[in-house]
């Protein structure tokens, strides 16, 4: 029952943040949307910031599973195919949470509290970067990633491409099919794997 109530509160918060925006959503609104008493909200979450963090963590589910599965993919299939799978999951997560994360910036007090919680839990975007970088490092040791590549920088660039694509789609109101979104992500991975420097070029 406790878990059920938490899930209802998280899902209600996610719906309201999407449709109304952070500034117009109160804990009373969230409780009403979830069909629970407002007081019960504080039995599960200390404050609004903790509830928003729960919404983000709830959304990261499939993406986290893909990252946790990466060690099993080392040396398997191709690096390109593995990176495409990561970006597909990353994009689904980023598209869902981009409006929510951006709205947090409109409330400085909430933003500071949100950062504090990420620090307390040793959580945040850097953990996602580190997981992908560890995979790239392992592939590098196998000779499947160029020795001069910088795994952490590569991980950040790849995930940034996903977040930027999701942000742009949300901003422009693009409602693309999954196949169209994945085609753009494959293009990102393809270009990334090729690099920008002409073959045989010493420096750019």
C-alpha atoms as a PDB file:
ATOM      1  CA  UNK A   1       0.000   0.000   0.000  1.00  0.00           C
ATOM      2  CA  UNK A   2       2.864   2.368   0.856  1.00  0.00           C
ATOM      3  CA  UNK A   3       4.548   1.669  -2.458  1.00  0.00           C
ATOM      4  CA  UNK A   4       1.244   2.093  -4.290  1.00  0.00           C
ATOM      5  CA  UNK A   5       0.675   5.512  -2.697  1.00  0.00           C
ATOM      6  CA  UNK A   6       4.218   6.616  -3.538  1.00  0.00           C
ATOM      7  CA  UNK A   7       3.788   5.548  -7.150  1.00  0.00           C
ATOM      8  CA  UNK A   8       0.498   7.421  -7.395  1.00  0.00           C
ATOM      9  CA  UNK A   9       2.084  10.570  -5.995  1.00  0.00           C
ATOM     10  CA  UNK A  10       5.058  10.302  -8.352  1.00  0.00           C
ATOM     11  CA  UNK A  11       2.864   9.729 -11.393  1.00  0.00           C
ATOM     12  CA  UNK A  12       0.484  12.529 -10.405  1.00  0.00           C
ATOM     13  CA  UNK A  13       3.421  14.916  -9.972  1.00  0.00           C
ATOM     14  CA  UNK A  14       4.842  13.967 -13.357  1.00  0.00           C
ATOM     15  CA  UNK A  15       1.492  14.583 -15.080  1.00  0.00           C
ATOM     16  CA  UNK A  16       0.946  17.952 -13.419  1.00  0.00           C
ATOM     17  CA  UNK A  17       4.476  19.202 -14.038  1.00  0.00           C
ATOM     18  CA  UNK A  18       4.079  18.347 -17.704  1.00  0.00           C
ATOM     19  CA  UNK A  19       0.696  19.998 -18.137  1.00  0.00           C
ATOM     20  CA  UNK A  20       0.901  22.936 -15.709  1.00  0.00           C
ATOM     21  CA  UNK A  21       4.566  23.606 -15.005  1.00  0.00           C
ATOM     22  CA  UNK A  22       6.349  23.781 -11.677  1.00  0.00           C
ATOM     23  CA  UNK A  23       5.270  27.326 -10.738  1.00  0.00           C
ATOM     24  CA  UNK A  24       1.571  26.448 -10.905  1.00  0.00           C
ATOM     25  CA  UNK A  25       1.677  23.086  -9.134  1.00  0.00           C
ATOM     26  CA  UNK A  26       1.230  22.883  -5.358  1.00  0.00           C
ATOM     27  CA  UNK A  27       1.436  19.903  -3.045  1.00  0.00           C
ATOM     28  CA  UNK A  28      -2.327  20.238  -2.611  1.00  0.00           C
ATOM     29  CA  UNK A  29      -2.767  19.879  -6.386  1.00  0.00           C
ATOM     30  CA  UNK A  30      -0.526  16.816  -6.388  1.00  0.00           C
ATOM     31  CA  UNK A  31      -2.396  15.161  -3.531  1.00  0.00           C
ATOM     32  CA  UNK A  32      -5.739  15.830  -5.214  1.00  0.00           C
ATOM     33  CA  UNK A  33      -4.482  14.430  -8.531  1.00  0.00           C
ATOM     34  CA  UNK A  34      -3.181  11.325  -6.744  1.00  0.00           C
ATOM     35  CA  UNK A  35      -6.412  10.896  -4.786  1.00  0.00           C
ATOM     36  CA  UNK A  36      -4.779  11.108  -1.350  1.00  0.00           C
ATOM     37  CA  UNK A  37      -4.865  13.537   1.549  1.00  0.00           C
ATOM     38  CA  UNK A  38      -2.271  16.299   1.330  1.00  0.00           C
ATOM     39  CA  UNK A  39      -0.857  15.339   4.729  1.00  0.00           C
ATOM     40  CA  UNK A  40      -0.079  11.829   3.526  1.00  0.00           C
ATOM     41  CA  UNK A  41       2.292  13.267   0.909  1.00  0.00           C
ATOM     42  CA  UNK A  42       4.694  14.263   3.686  1.00  0.00           C
ATOM     43  CA  UNK A  43       4.714  10.727   5.072  1.00  0.00           C
ATOM     44  CA  UNK A  44       6.456   9.650   1.868  1.00  0.00           C
ATOM     45  CA  UNK A  45       8.451  12.721   0.838  1.00  0.00           C
ATOM     46  CA  UNK A  46      10.132  15.360   2.972  1.00  0.00           C
ATOM     47  CA  UNK A  47       9.359  18.190   0.586  1.00  0.00           C
ATOM     48  CA  UNK A  48       8.547  19.106  -2.998  1.00  0.00           C
ATOM     49  CA  UNK A  49      12.186  18.793  -4.067  1.00  0.00           C
ATOM     50  CA  UNK A  50      12.373  15.177  -2.880  1.00  0.00           C
ATOM     51  CA  UNK A  51       9.165  14.416  -4.755  1.00  0.00           C
ATOM     52  CA  UNK A  52      10.544  15.921  -7.973  1.00  0.00           C
ATOM     53  CA  UNK A  53      13.750  13.911  -7.564  1.00  0.00           C
ATOM     54  CA  UNK A  54      11.593  10.799  -7.197  1.00  0.00           C
ATOM     55  CA  UNK A  55       9.847  11.683 -10.466  1.00  0.00           C
ATOM     56  CA  UNK A  56      13.199  11.948 -12.248  1.00  0.00           C
ATOM     57  CA  UNK A  57      14.491   8.693 -10.730  1.00  0.00           C
ATOM     58  CA  UNK A  58      11.248   6.967 -11.670  1.00  0.00           C
ATOM     59  CA  UNK A  59      11.734   8.068 -15.274  1.00  0.00           C
ATOM     60  CA  UNK A  60      15.348   6.918 -15.458  1.00  0.00           C
ATOM     61  CA  UNK A  61      14.338   3.285 -14.896  1.00  0.00           C
ATOM     62  CA  UNK A  62      14.831   1.729 -18.356  1.00  0.00           C
ATOM     63  CA  UNK A  63      17.869   3.905 -19.065  1.00  0.00           C
ATOM     64  CA  UNK A  64      19.525   2.768 -15.838  1.00  0.00           C
ATOM     65  CA  UNK A  65      18.840  -0.865 -16.744  1.00  0.00           C
ATOM     66  CA  UNK A  66      20.539  -0.394 -20.106  1.00  0.00           C
ATOM     67  CA  UNK A  67      23.582   1.177 -18.436  1.00  0.00           C
ATOM     68  CA  UNK A  68      23.730  -1.569 -15.812  1.00  0.00           C
ATOM     69  CA  UNK A  69      23.662  -4.118 -18.625  1.00  0.00           C
ATOM     70  CA  UNK A  70      26.612  -2.498 -20.423  1.00  0.00           C
ATOM     71  CA  UNK A  71      29.332  -4.569 -18.703  1.00  0.00           C
ATOM     72  CA  UNK A  72      27.723  -7.658 -20.250  1.00  0.00           C
ATOM     73  CA  UNK A  73      27.976  -6.053 -23.696  1.00  0.00           C
ATOM     74  CA  UNK A  74      31.749  -5.475 -23.580  1.00  0.00           C
ATOM     75  CA  UNK A  75      33.250  -7.170 -26.622  1.00  0.00           C
ATOM     76  CA  UNK A  76      29.778  -8.170 -27.838  1.00  0.00           C
ATOM     77  CA  UNK A  77      28.030  -7.047 -31.040  1.00  0.00           C
ATOM     78  CA  UNK A  78      29.635  -3.767 -32.171  1.00  0.00           C
ATOM     79  CA  UNK A  79      30.462  -0.660 -30.169  1.00  0.00           C
ATOM     80  CA  UNK A  80      28.233   1.327 -32.511  1.00  0.00           C
ATOM     81  CA  UNK A  81      25.241  -0.961 -31.888  1.00  0.00           C
ATOM     82  CA  UNK A  82      25.795  -0.819 -28.140  1.00  0.00           C
ATOM     83  CA  UNK A  83      26.007   2.987 -28.186  1.00  0.00           C
ATOM     84  CA  UNK A  84      22.843   3.228 -30.265  1.00  0.00           C
ATOM     85  CA  UNK A  85      21.005   1.149 -27.670  1.00  0.00           C
ATOM     86  CA  UNK A  86      22.264   3.460 -24.930  1.00  0.00           C
ATOM     87  CA  UNK A  87      21.145   6.576 -26.809  1.00  0.00           C
ATOM     88  CA  UNK A  88      17.688   5.156 -27.531  1.00  0.00           C
ATOM     89  CA  UNK A  89      17.123   4.635 -23.794  1.00  0.00           C
ATOM     90  CA  UNK A  90      18.758   7.962 -22.918  1.00  0.00           C
ATOM     91  CA  UNK A  91      16.524   9.853 -25.334  1.00  0.00           C
ATOM     92  CA  UNK A  92      13.334   8.287 -23.954  1.00  0.00           C
ATOM     93  CA  UNK A  93      14.420   9.367 -20.464  1.00  0.00           C
ATOM     94  CA  UNK A  94      15.586  12.837 -21.517  1.00  0.00           C
ATOM     95  CA  UNK A  95      12.432  13.541 -23.512  1.00  0.00           C
ATOM     96  CA  UNK A  96      10.326  12.682 -20.493  1.00  0.00           C
ATOM     97  CA  UNK A  97      12.246  14.687 -17.899  1.00  0.00           C
ATOM     98  CA  UNK A  98      13.593  17.661 -19.900  1.00  0.00           C
ATOM     99  CA  UNK A  99      10.602  19.958 -19.161  1.00  0.00           C
ATOM    100  CA  UNK A 100      10.707  19.005 -15.486  1.00  0.00           C
ATOM    101  CA  UNK A 101      14.426  19.612 -15.060  1.00  0.00           C
ATOM    102  CA  UNK A 102      14.210  22.942 -16.880  1.00  0.00           C
ATOM    103  CA  UNK A 103      11.343  24.080 -14.673  1.00  0.00           C
ATOM    104  CA  UNK A 104      13.450  23.456 -11.560  1.00  0.00           C
ATOM    105  CA  UNK A 105      15.730  26.303 -12.677  1.00  0.00           C
ATOM    106  CA  UNK A 106      12.841  28.730 -12.217  1.00  0.00           C
ATOM    107  CA  UNK A 107      12.932  28.198  -8.433  1.00  0.00           C
ATOM    108  CA  UNK A 108      16.400  28.862  -6.994  1.00  0.00           C
ATOM    109  CA  UNK A 109      15.532  27.580  -3.514  1.00  0.00           C
ATOM    110  CA  UNK A 110      14.214  24.351  -4.979  1.00  0.00           C
ATOM    111  CA  UNK A 111      17.255  24.060  -7.241  1.00  0.00           C
ATOM    112  CA  UNK A 112      19.668  24.375  -4.302  1.00  0.00           C
ATOM    113  CA  UNK A 113      17.735  21.749  -2.359  1.00  0.00           C
ATOM    114  CA  UNK A 114      17.703  19.470  -5.402  1.00  0.00           C
ATOM    115  CA  UNK A 115      21.481  19.748  -5.741  1.00  0.00           C
ATOM    116  CA  UNK A 116      21.926  18.974  -2.053  1.00  0.00           C
ATOM    117  CA  UNK A 117      19.914  15.780  -2.393  1.00  0.00           C
ATOM    118  CA  UNK A 118      21.893  14.654  -5.426  1.00  0.00           C
ATOM    119  CA  UNK A 119      25.089  15.223  -3.443  1.00  0.00           C
ATOM    120  CA  UNK A 120      23.741  13.349  -0.399  1.00  0.00           C
ATOM    121  CA  UNK A 121      22.805  10.361  -2.538  1.00  0.00           C
ATOM    122  CA  UNK A 122      25.944  10.447  -4.704  1.00  0.00           C
ATOM    123  CA  UNK A 123      23.582  10.640  -7.648  1.00  0.00           C
ATOM    124  CA  UNK A 124      23.094  12.828 -10.697  1.00  0.00           C
ATOM    125  CA  UNK A 125      24.113  13.040 -14.361  1.00  0.00           C
ATOM    126  CA  UNK A 126      27.771  12.345 -13.574  1.00  0.00           C
ATOM    127  CA  UNK A 127      26.852   8.801 -12.529  1.00  0.00           C
ATOM    128  CA  UNK A 128      25.336   8.186 -15.966  1.00  0.00           C
ATOM    129  CA  UNK A 129      28.445   9.641 -17.616  1.00  0.00           C
ATOM    130  CA  UNK A 130      30.702   7.447 -15.491  1.00  0.00           C
ATOM    131  CA  UNK A 131      28.787   4.267 -16.351  1.00  0.00           C
ATOM    132  CA  UNK A 132      29.073   4.909 -20.078  1.00  0.00           C
ATOM    133  CA  UNK A 133      32.717   5.990 -19.762  1.00  0.00           C
ATOM    134  CA  UNK A 134      33.573   2.746 -17.945  1.00  0.00           C
ATOM    135  CA  UNK A 135      32.084   0.770 -20.818  1.00  0.00           C
ATOM    136  CA  UNK A 136      34.083   2.771 -23.390  1.00  0.00           C
ATOM    137  CA  UNK A 137      37.267   2.284 -21.355  1.00  0.00           C
ATOM    138  CA  UNK A 138      36.730  -1.467 -21.355  1.00  0.00           C
ATOM    139  CA  UNK A 139      36.163  -1.504 -25.111  1.00  0.00           C
ATOM    140  CA  UNK A 140      39.271   0.642 -25.487  1.00  0.00           C
ATOM    141  CA  UNK A 141      41.324  -2.007 -23.679  1.00  0.00           C
ATOM    142  CA  UNK A 142      40.014  -4.563 -26.175  1.00  0.00           C
ATOM    143  CA  UNK A 143      41.094  -2.364 -29.058  1.00  0.00           C
ATOM    144  CA  UNK A 144      37.524  -1.670 -30.170  1.00  0.00           C
ATOM    145  CA  UNK A 145      37.791   2.056 -29.307  1.00  0.00           C
ATOM    146  CA  UNK A 146      40.653   4.234 -30.519  1.00  0.00           C
ATOM    147  CA  UNK A 147      43.494   4.471 -27.957  1.00  0.00           C
ATOM    148  CA  UNK A 148      43.584   8.275 -28.200  1.00  0.00           C
ATOM    149  CA  UNK A 149      39.868   8.611 -27.375  1.00  0.00           C
ATOM    150  CA  UNK A 150      38.887  10.076 -24.013  1.00  0.00           C
ATOM    151  CA  UNK A 151      36.098   7.857 -22.641  1.00  0.00           C
ATOM    152  CA  UNK A 152      34.607  10.330 -20.155  1.00  0.00           C
ATOM    153  CA  UNK A 153      34.542  13.175 -22.681  1.00  0.00           C
ATOM    154  CA  UNK A 154      33.020  10.797 -25.227  1.00  0.00           C
ATOM    155  CA  UNK A 155      30.326   9.692 -22.774  1.00  0.00           C
ATOM    156  CA  UNK A 156      29.421  13.301 -21.975  1.00  0.00           C
ATOM    157  CA  UNK A 157      29.221  14.248 -25.656  1.00  0.00           C
ATOM    158  CA  UNK A 158      27.010  11.284 -26.516  1.00  0.00           C
ATOM    159  CA  UNK A 159      24.566  11.862 -23.669  1.00  0.00           C
ATOM    160  CA  UNK A 160      24.576  15.615 -24.363  1.00  0.00           C
ATOM    161  CA  UNK A 161      23.469  14.888 -27.923  1.00  0.00           C
ATOM    162  CA  UNK A 162      20.516  12.919 -26.553  1.00  0.00           C
ATOM    163  CA  UNK A 163      19.517  15.618 -24.070  1.00  0.00           C
ATOM    164  CA  UNK A 164      19.846  18.397 -26.647  1.00  0.00           C
ATOM    165  CA  UNK A 165      17.711  16.481 -29.147  1.00  0.00           C
ATOM    166  CA  UNK A 166      15.055  15.856 -26.493  1.00  0.00           C
ATOM    167  CA  UNK A 167      15.112  19.492 -25.353  1.00  0.00           C
ATOM    168  CA  UNK A 168      14.761  20.778 -28.911  1.00  0.00           C
ATOM    169  CA  UNK A 169      11.869  18.433 -29.643  1.00  0.00           C
ATOM    170  CA  UNK A 170      10.083  19.533 -26.472  1.00  0.00           C
ATOM    171  CA  UNK A 171      10.708  23.218 -27.212  1.00  0.00           C
ATOM    172  CA  UNK A 172       9.521  23.003 -30.821  1.00  0.00           C
ATOM    173  CA  UNK A 173       6.646  20.689 -29.985  1.00  0.00           C
ATOM    174  CA  UNK A 174       7.967  17.962 -32.273  1.00  0.00           C
ATOM    175  CA  UNK A 175       6.006  14.758 -31.874  1.00  0.00           C
ATOM    176  CA  UNK A 176       8.142  12.422 -33.923  1.00  0.00           C
ATOM    177  CA  UNK A 177       7.649   8.711 -34.337  1.00  0.00           C
ATOM    178  CA  UNK A 178      10.028   6.448 -32.481  1.00  0.00           C
ATOM    179  CA  UNK A 179      11.623   5.381 -35.760  1.00  0.00           C
ATOM    180  CA  UNK A 180      12.286   9.016 -36.745  1.00  0.00           C
ATOM    181  CA  UNK A 181      13.818   9.819 -33.347  1.00  0.00           C
ATOM    182  CA  UNK A 182      16.009   6.733 -33.473  1.00  0.00           C
ATOM    183  CA  UNK A 183      17.172   7.559 -36.983  1.00  0.00           C
ATOM    184  CA  UNK A 184      18.506  10.906 -35.750  1.00  0.00           C
ATOM    185  CA  UNK A 185      20.229   9.233 -32.812  1.00  0.00           C
ATOM    186  CA  UNK A 186      21.842   6.688 -35.142  1.00  0.00           C
ATOM    187  CA  UNK A 187      23.124   9.608 -37.202  1.00  0.00           C
ATOM    188  CA  UNK A 188      24.721  11.051 -34.051  1.00  0.00           C
ATOM    189  CA  UNK A 189      26.443   7.766 -33.218  1.00  0.00           C
ATOM    190  CA  UNK A 190      27.522   7.287 -36.842  1.00  0.00           C
ATOM    191  CA  UNK A 191      29.125  10.741 -37.000  1.00  0.00           C
ATOM    192  CA  UNK A 192      30.657  10.263 -33.571  1.00  0.00           C
ATOM    193  CA  UNK A 193      32.228   6.956 -34.538  1.00  0.00           C
ATOM    194  CA  UNK A 194      33.625   8.372 -37.767  1.00  0.00           C
ATOM    195  CA  UNK A 195      35.042  11.503 -36.179  1.00  0.00           C
ATOM    196  CA  UNK A 196      35.401  14.865 -37.870  1.00  0.00           C
ATOM    197  CA  UNK A 197      39.054  14.798 -38.797  1.00  0.00           C
ATOM    198  CA  UNK A 198      39.835  13.564 -42.320  1.00  0.00           C
ATOM    199  CA  UNK A 199      41.619  10.224 -42.459  1.00  0.00           C
ATOM    200  CA  UNK A 200      45.384  10.732 -42.485  1.00  0.00           C
ATOM    201  CA  UNK A 201      45.114  14.304 -41.187  1.00  0.00           C
ATOM    202  CA  UNK A 202      47.638  15.197 -38.501  1.00  0.00           C
ATOM    203  CA  UNK A 203      45.725  18.026 -36.845  1.00  0.00           C
ATOM    204  CA  UNK A 204      42.715  20.233 -37.389  1.00  0.00           C
END
